[in-house]
N, C-alpha and C. Protein backbone atom coordinates (compact mmCIF):
# COMPACT_ATOMS: atom_id res chain seq x y z
N UNK A 1 157.96 158.15 66.20
CA UNK A 1 158.63 156.68 64.99
C UNK A 1 159.82 156.35 65.40
N UNK A 2 160.20 155.19 64.91
CA UNK A 2 160.90 154.28 65.14
C UNK A 2 162.34 154.50 64.31
N UNK A 3 163.28 155.00 64.49
CA UNK A 3 164.15 154.21 63.80
C UNK A 3 164.64 153.44 63.08
N UNK A 4 164.88 153.30 61.47
CA UNK A 4 165.07 152.96 60.53
C UNK A 4 165.99 151.00 61.22
N UNK A 5 166.96 151.19 62.21
CA UNK A 5 167.19 149.88 62.32
C UNK A 5 166.10 149.44 63.12
N UNK A 6 165.48 149.64 63.63
CA UNK A 6 164.16 149.28 64.58
C UNK A 6 163.74 149.03 64.25
N UNK A 7 163.24 149.17 63.15
CA UNK A 7 161.96 148.56 62.25
C UNK A 7 162.56 147.47 61.11
N UNK A 8 163.89 147.33 61.00
CA UNK A 8 164.54 146.60 60.34
C UNK A 8 165.16 144.88 60.97
N UNK A 9 164.50 145.68 62.96
CA UNK A 9 165.27 144.03 63.31
C UNK A 9 163.69 143.98 63.94
N UNK A 10 162.54 144.49 64.31
CA UNK A 10 161.50 144.01 64.02
C UNK A 10 161.41 142.95 62.80
N UNK A 11 161.66 143.42 62.00
CA UNK A 11 160.68 142.87 60.59
C UNK A 11 161.74 141.46 60.76
N UNK A 12 162.99 141.10 61.02
CA UNK A 12 163.66 140.32 61.12
C UNK A 12 163.22 139.16 62.24
N UNK A 13 162.64 139.56 63.69
CA UNK A 13 162.29 138.83 64.21
C UNK A 13 160.96 138.61 64.06
N UNK A 14 160.11 139.77 63.63
CA UNK A 14 158.79 139.19 62.84
C UNK A 14 158.80 137.97 61.91
N UNK A 15 160.02 137.46 60.92
CA UNK A 15 160.18 136.79 60.05
C UNK A 15 160.08 135.42 61.04
N UNK A 16 161.07 134.89 61.30
CA UNK A 16 161.68 134.25 62.98
C UNK A 16 160.47 133.56 63.37
N UNK A 17 159.64 134.68 63.50
CA UNK A 17 159.06 134.06 65.02
C UNK A 17 157.51 133.28 64.23
N UNK A 18 157.22 134.37 62.70
CA UNK A 18 155.75 133.86 62.03
C UNK A 18 155.99 133.62 60.44
N UNK A 19 157.39 133.68 60.13
CA UNK A 19 157.34 132.87 58.83
C UNK A 19 157.04 133.80 57.84
N UNK A 20 156.60 135.43 58.29
CA UNK A 20 156.39 136.50 57.11
C UNK A 20 156.95 137.31 57.10
N UNK A 21 157.32 137.55 55.26
CA UNK A 21 157.95 138.95 55.10
C UNK A 21 157.23 139.93 55.50
N UNK A 22 157.74 141.10 56.40
CA UNK A 22 156.74 142.36 56.50
C UNK A 22 157.33 143.43 55.04
N UNK A 23 156.78 144.43 54.82
CA UNK A 23 157.11 145.02 53.71
C UNK A 23 157.86 146.24 54.80
N UNK A 24 158.74 147.31 54.54
CA UNK A 24 158.62 148.41 55.66
C UNK A 24 157.52 148.70 56.29
N UNK A 25 156.37 149.17 55.15
CA UNK A 25 155.16 150.17 55.97
C UNK A 25 154.30 149.11 57.08
N UNK A 26 154.59 148.03 56.64
CA UNK A 26 153.25 147.51 57.42
C UNK A 26 154.60 146.61 58.89
N UNK A 27 155.85 146.59 58.72
CA UNK A 27 156.51 146.43 60.06
C UNK A 27 156.30 148.15 60.60
N UNK A 28 156.83 148.99 59.85
CA UNK A 28 156.79 150.40 60.88
C UNK A 28 155.30 150.45 61.17
N UNK A 29 154.74 150.10 61.03
CA UNK A 29 153.11 150.03 61.28
C UNK A 29 152.97 149.22 62.58
N UNK A 30 153.28 148.16 62.23
CA UNK A 30 153.06 147.26 63.53
C UNK A 30 154.07 147.81 64.77
N UNK A 31 155.48 147.69 64.55
CA UNK A 31 156.43 148.20 65.54
C UNK A 31 155.73 148.97 66.88
N UNK A 32 155.34 150.61 65.87
CA UNK A 32 154.72 151.63 66.56
C UNK A 32 153.90 151.14 67.16
N UNK A 33 152.93 150.08 66.96
CA UNK A 33 151.47 149.94 67.54
C UNK A 33 152.16 148.86 68.71
N UNK A 34 152.94 148.34 68.45
CA UNK A 34 153.23 147.88 70.34
C UNK A 34 153.89 148.58 70.90
N UNK A 35 155.10 149.44 69.86
CA UNK A 35 155.21 150.36 71.25
C UNK A 35 154.51 151.49 71.94
N UNK A 36 153.34 151.57 71.00
CA UNK A 36 152.20 152.89 71.56
C UNK A 36 151.45 151.75 72.66
N UNK A 37 151.63 150.50 71.90
CA UNK A 37 150.39 149.22 73.15
C UNK A 37 151.12 149.56 74.51
N UNK A 38 152.64 149.31 75.08
CA UNK A 38 153.34 148.80 76.35
C UNK A 38 153.73 150.28 76.89
N UNK A 39 154.16 151.41 75.93
CA UNK A 39 154.66 152.62 76.93
C UNK A 39 154.02 152.91 77.50
N UNK A 40 152.63 153.17 78.45
CA UNK A 40 151.87 153.49 79.08
C UNK A 40 152.47 152.51 80.49
N UNK A 41 152.60 151.05 80.13
CA UNK A 41 153.13 150.48 81.17
C UNK A 41 154.26 150.39 81.49
N UNK A 42 155.17 151.09 80.77
CA UNK A 42 156.62 151.07 80.80
C UNK A 42 156.90 152.06 81.32
N UNK A 43 155.91 153.77 81.04
CA UNK A 43 156.10 154.50 82.14
C UNK A 43 155.54 154.55 83.52
N UNK A 44 154.63 153.43 83.70
CA UNK A 44 154.20 153.44 85.30
C UNK A 44 155.59 152.81 85.77
N UNK A 45 155.67 151.37 85.34
CA UNK A 45 156.80 151.11 85.99
C UNK A 45 158.44 151.64 86.28
N UNK A 46 158.65 152.70 85.41
CA UNK A 46 159.47 153.65 85.26
C UNK A 46 159.53 154.83 86.71
N UNK A 47 158.14 154.82 86.84
CA UNK A 47 157.70 155.56 88.02
C UNK A 47 157.98 155.04 89.17
N UNK A 48 157.37 153.97 89.38
CA UNK A 48 157.64 153.12 90.62
C UNK A 48 159.13 152.83 91.22
N UNK A 49 160.18 152.06 90.33
CA UNK A 49 161.40 152.10 90.25
C UNK A 49 162.07 153.69 90.85
N UNK A 50 161.63 154.61 89.79
CA UNK A 50 161.92 155.73 90.76
C UNK A 50 161.52 156.05 92.02
N UNK A 51 160.39 156.08 92.30
CA UNK A 51 160.27 156.14 93.69
C UNK A 51 160.94 155.39 94.29
N UNK A 52 160.87 153.77 94.27
CA UNK A 52 161.31 153.01 95.10
C UNK A 52 162.76 153.75 95.54
N UNK A 53 163.89 154.32 94.24
CA UNK A 53 165.02 154.42 94.35
C UNK A 53 165.23 155.70 95.08
N UNK A 54 164.54 157.05 95.36
CA UNK A 54 164.27 158.00 95.89
C UNK A 54 164.64 158.13 97.05
N UNK A 55 165.75 158.38 97.52
CA UNK A 55 165.57 158.54 99.01
C UNK A 55 164.15 159.67 99.85
N UNK A 56 163.63 159.16 101.18
CA UNK A 56 162.74 159.57 101.80
C UNK A 56 163.43 160.76 102.60
N UNK A 57 163.22 161.87 102.27
CA UNK A 57 163.78 163.44 102.81
C UNK A 57 162.92 163.62 103.86
N UNK A 58 161.92 162.58 104.33
CA UNK A 58 161.12 163.02 105.91
C UNK A 58 161.58 162.12 106.73
N UNK A 59 162.39 161.44 106.54
CA UNK A 59 163.06 160.43 107.70
C UNK A 59 163.80 161.00 108.78
N UNK A 60 164.23 161.89 107.82
CA UNK A 60 165.52 162.46 108.54
C UNK A 60 165.25 163.97 109.53
N UNK A 61 163.64 164.01 109.78
CA UNK A 61 163.35 165.23 110.25
C UNK A 61 162.58 165.10 111.23
């Protein structure tokens, strides 16, 4: 669940982009769905970033 400030920000972005004023419930639903959509891709990206920045401990052996 996103914090109220994030929902408020999402509502404002949505209004500016689409010209539609969402209710709190609609904004919460859409924002949380968007987060759930991108969450797996973001997690995979972060795993790859971590692998890239971890020192290779086998090189010195």
